[in-house]
Amino acid sequence: MLPYVTVLSLGEEEYSAAREILMRYNLKPSDVLHAAVAKNNGIKVVVTEDSEFDRLEGLERLWLEP
């Protein structure tokens, strides 16, 4: 594992938050799990090329152009 990477766990709180996000935004299950973990851990920015994250309130999508 890289020294600057932290693996965050999925628990009941994340699954509950993921369900709420899924019902509200109708995103892919994998995306809502990532969003729920971010929300529950105070993460405000996600680096991804997946534009579906633009629809989420409280989570900013950042894409680094080559």
N, C-alpha and C. Protein backbone atom coordinates (compact mmCIF):
# COMPACT_ATOMS: atom_id res chain seq x y z
N MET A 1 0.85 -1.18 0.00
CA MET A 1 0.00 0.00 0.00
C MET A 1 0.89 1.23 0.00
N LEU A 2 0.48 2.22 -0.73
CA LEU A 2 1.23 3.46 -0.80
C LEU A 2 1.10 4.23 0.51
N PRO A 3 2.15 4.95 0.90
CA PRO A 3 2.11 5.63 2.20
C PRO A 3 1.07 6.75 2.30
N TYR A 4 0.62 7.27 1.20
CA TYR A 4 -0.35 8.37 1.22
C TYR A 4 -1.78 7.90 0.93
N VAL A 5 -2.00 6.59 0.97
CA VAL A 5 -3.32 6.02 0.72
C VAL A 5 -3.88 5.45 2.02
N THR A 6 -5.11 5.80 2.31
CA THR A 6 -5.81 5.24 3.46
C THR A 6 -7.02 4.46 2.94
N VAL A 7 -7.13 3.22 3.32
CA VAL A 7 -8.27 2.40 2.93
C VAL A 7 -9.35 2.60 3.98
N LEU A 8 -10.52 3.03 3.54
CA LEU A 8 -11.65 3.28 4.45
C LEU A 8 -12.62 2.11 4.36
N SER A 9 -13.23 1.80 5.47
CA SER A 9 -14.10 0.62 5.53
C SER A 9 -15.54 0.95 5.16
N LEU A 10 -16.26 -0.10 4.83
CA LEU A 10 -17.70 -0.02 4.58
C LEU A 10 -18.42 -0.70 5.73
N GLY A 11 -19.29 0.05 6.38
CA GLY A 11 -20.08 -0.51 7.48
C GLY A 11 -21.54 -0.17 7.29
N GLU A 12 -22.32 -0.41 8.31
CA GLU A 12 -23.76 -0.14 8.23
C GLU A 12 -24.06 1.32 7.94
N GLU A 13 -23.29 2.23 8.51
CA GLU A 13 -23.52 3.67 8.27
C GLU A 13 -23.29 4.02 6.81
N GLU A 14 -22.27 3.44 6.20
CA GLU A 14 -22.00 3.71 4.79
C GLU A 14 -23.08 3.14 3.90
N TYR A 15 -23.54 1.91 4.22
CA TYR A 15 -24.60 1.32 3.41
C TYR A 15 -25.91 2.10 3.55
N SER A 16 -26.18 2.61 4.73
CA SER A 16 -27.38 3.41 4.94
C SER A 16 -27.29 4.72 4.15
N ALA A 17 -26.12 5.39 4.22
CA ALA A 17 -25.92 6.62 3.45
C ALA A 17 -25.98 6.34 1.96
N ALA A 18 -25.43 5.21 1.54
CA ALA A 18 -25.44 4.84 0.11
C ALA A 18 -26.87 4.65 -0.38
N ARG A 19 -27.70 4.05 0.44
CA ARG A 19 -29.11 3.85 0.06
C ARG A 19 -29.80 5.19 -0.15
N GLU A 20 -29.56 6.13 0.75
CA GLU A 20 -30.16 7.47 0.62
C GLU A 20 -29.68 8.16 -0.66
N ILE A 21 -28.39 8.07 -0.93
CA ILE A 21 -27.83 8.70 -2.13
C ILE A 21 -28.39 8.04 -3.38
N LEU A 22 -28.51 6.73 -3.36
CA LEU A 22 -29.05 5.98 -4.50
C LEU A 22 -30.48 6.41 -4.79
N MET A 23 -31.29 6.53 -3.74
CA MET A 23 -32.69 6.92 -3.92
C MET A 23 -32.82 8.35 -4.41
N ARG A 24 -31.92 9.22 -3.96
CA ARG A 24 -32.02 10.64 -4.32
C ARG A 24 -31.46 10.94 -5.72
N TYR A 25 -30.32 10.32 -6.06
CA TYR A 25 -29.62 10.68 -7.29
C TYR A 25 -29.65 9.61 -8.37
N ASN A 26 -30.07 8.38 -8.02
CA ASN A 26 -30.15 7.29 -8.99
C ASN A 26 -28.82 7.07 -9.72
N LEU A 27 -27.75 6.96 -8.97
CA LEU A 27 -26.43 6.69 -9.53
C LEU A 27 -26.14 5.19 -9.47
N LYS A 28 -25.05 4.78 -10.10
CA LYS A 28 -24.62 3.38 -10.04
C LYS A 28 -24.27 3.01 -8.60
N PRO A 29 -24.55 1.77 -8.20
CA PRO A 29 -24.25 1.35 -6.83
C PRO A 29 -22.79 1.58 -6.41
N SER A 30 -21.85 1.33 -7.30
CA SER A 30 -20.45 1.55 -6.93
C SER A 30 -20.18 3.02 -6.67
N ASP A 31 -20.81 3.90 -7.43
CA ASP A 31 -20.63 5.34 -7.22
C ASP A 31 -21.23 5.80 -5.90
N VAL A 32 -22.41 5.26 -5.56
CA VAL A 32 -23.03 5.68 -4.30
C VAL A 32 -22.26 5.17 -3.09
N LEU A 33 -21.63 4.01 -3.21
CA LEU A 33 -20.79 3.53 -2.11
C LEU A 33 -19.58 4.45 -1.91
N HIS A 34 -18.95 4.85 -3.01
CA HIS A 34 -17.82 5.78 -2.90
C HIS A 34 -18.28 7.11 -2.30
N ALA A 35 -19.42 7.61 -2.75
CA ALA A 35 -19.94 8.88 -2.24
C ALA A 35 -20.30 8.78 -0.76
N ALA A 36 -20.87 7.67 -0.35
CA ALA A 36 -21.26 7.49 1.05
C ALA A 36 -20.04 7.44 1.96
N VAL A 37 -19.01 6.74 1.54
CA VAL A 37 -17.78 6.68 2.33
C VAL A 37 -17.15 8.07 2.42
N ALA A 38 -17.15 8.80 1.31
CA ALA A 38 -16.62 10.17 1.32
C ALA A 38 -17.41 11.03 2.30
N LYS A 39 -18.72 10.98 2.20
CA LYS A 39 -19.58 11.78 3.08
C LYS A 39 -19.34 11.47 4.55
N ASN A 40 -19.29 10.19 4.89
CA ASN A 40 -19.14 9.78 6.28
C ASN A 40 -17.75 10.02 6.84
N ASN A 41 -16.79 10.33 5.97
CA ASN A 41 -15.42 10.57 6.43
C ASN A 41 -14.98 12.01 6.20
N GLY A 42 -15.92 12.88 5.87
CA GLY A 42 -15.62 14.30 5.72
C GLY A 42 -14.81 14.65 4.49
N ILE A 43 -14.84 13.77 3.49
CA ILE A 43 -14.12 14.02 2.24
C ILE A 43 -14.99 14.89 1.35
N LYS A 44 -14.44 15.99 0.87
CA LYS A 44 -15.21 16.96 0.09
C LYS A 44 -14.90 16.93 -1.40
N VAL A 45 -13.78 16.30 -1.78
CA VAL A 45 -13.34 16.28 -3.19
C VAL A 45 -13.01 14.86 -3.59
N VAL A 46 -13.46 14.47 -4.77
CA VAL A 46 -13.12 13.17 -5.33
C VAL A 46 -12.47 13.40 -6.69
N VAL A 47 -11.38 12.70 -6.96
CA VAL A 47 -10.68 12.82 -8.23
C VAL A 47 -11.15 11.66 -9.11
N THR A 48 -11.90 12.00 -10.16
CA THR A 48 -12.45 10.99 -11.05
C THR A 48 -12.85 11.63 -12.37
N GLU A 49 -12.84 10.84 -13.41
CA GLU A 49 -13.35 11.33 -14.69
C GLU A 49 -14.84 11.03 -14.84
N ASP A 50 -15.43 10.39 -13.86
CA ASP A 50 -16.85 10.02 -13.87
C ASP A 50 -17.70 11.26 -13.59
N SER A 51 -18.34 11.79 -14.61
CA SER A 51 -19.11 13.02 -14.49
C SER A 51 -20.39 12.85 -13.67
N GLU A 52 -20.79 11.62 -13.37
CA GLU A 52 -21.98 11.43 -12.54
C GLU A 52 -21.79 12.05 -11.16
N PHE A 53 -20.55 12.17 -10.70
CA PHE A 53 -20.29 12.77 -9.40
C PHE A 53 -20.63 14.26 -9.39
N ASP A 54 -20.75 14.88 -10.56
CA ASP A 54 -21.13 16.29 -10.63
C ASP A 54 -22.54 16.52 -10.09
N ARG A 55 -23.35 15.50 -10.07
CA ARG A 55 -24.74 15.63 -9.62
C ARG A 55 -24.87 15.64 -8.10
N LEU A 56 -23.84 15.24 -7.40
CA LEU A 56 -23.91 15.13 -5.94
C LEU A 56 -23.63 16.46 -5.26
N GLU A 57 -24.49 16.80 -4.32
CA GLU A 57 -24.27 18.00 -3.51
C GLU A 57 -23.26 17.68 -2.41
N GLY A 58 -22.36 18.61 -2.15
CA GLY A 58 -21.41 18.44 -1.06
C GLY A 58 -20.18 17.65 -1.41
N LEU A 59 -20.06 17.20 -2.65
CA LEU A 59 -18.88 16.46 -3.09
C LEU A 59 -18.44 17.04 -4.43
N GLU A 60 -17.27 17.62 -4.45
CA GLU A 60 -16.74 18.24 -5.66
C GLU A 60 -15.94 17.23 -6.45
N ARG A 61 -16.17 17.18 -7.76
CA ARG A 61 -15.40 16.30 -8.63
C ARG A 61 -14.23 17.07 -9.22
N LEU A 62 -13.06 16.50 -9.12
CA LEU A 62 -11.85 17.09 -9.67
C LEU A 62 -11.27 16.12 -10.69
N TRP A 63 -10.99 16.63 -11.88
CA TRP A 63 -10.36 15.81 -12.90
C TRP A 63 -9.10 16.52 -13.36
N LEU A 64 -8.01 15.82 -13.31
CA LEU A 64 -6.72 16.39 -13.70
C LEU A 64 -6.49 16.16 -15.18
N GLU A 65 -6.43 17.22 -15.92
CA GLU A 65 -6.19 17.11 -17.36
C GLU A 65 -4.73 16.80 -17.62
N PRO A 66 -4.45 15.90 -18.56
CA PRO A 66 -3.04 15.58 -18.87
C PRO A 66 -2.32 16.73 -19.56
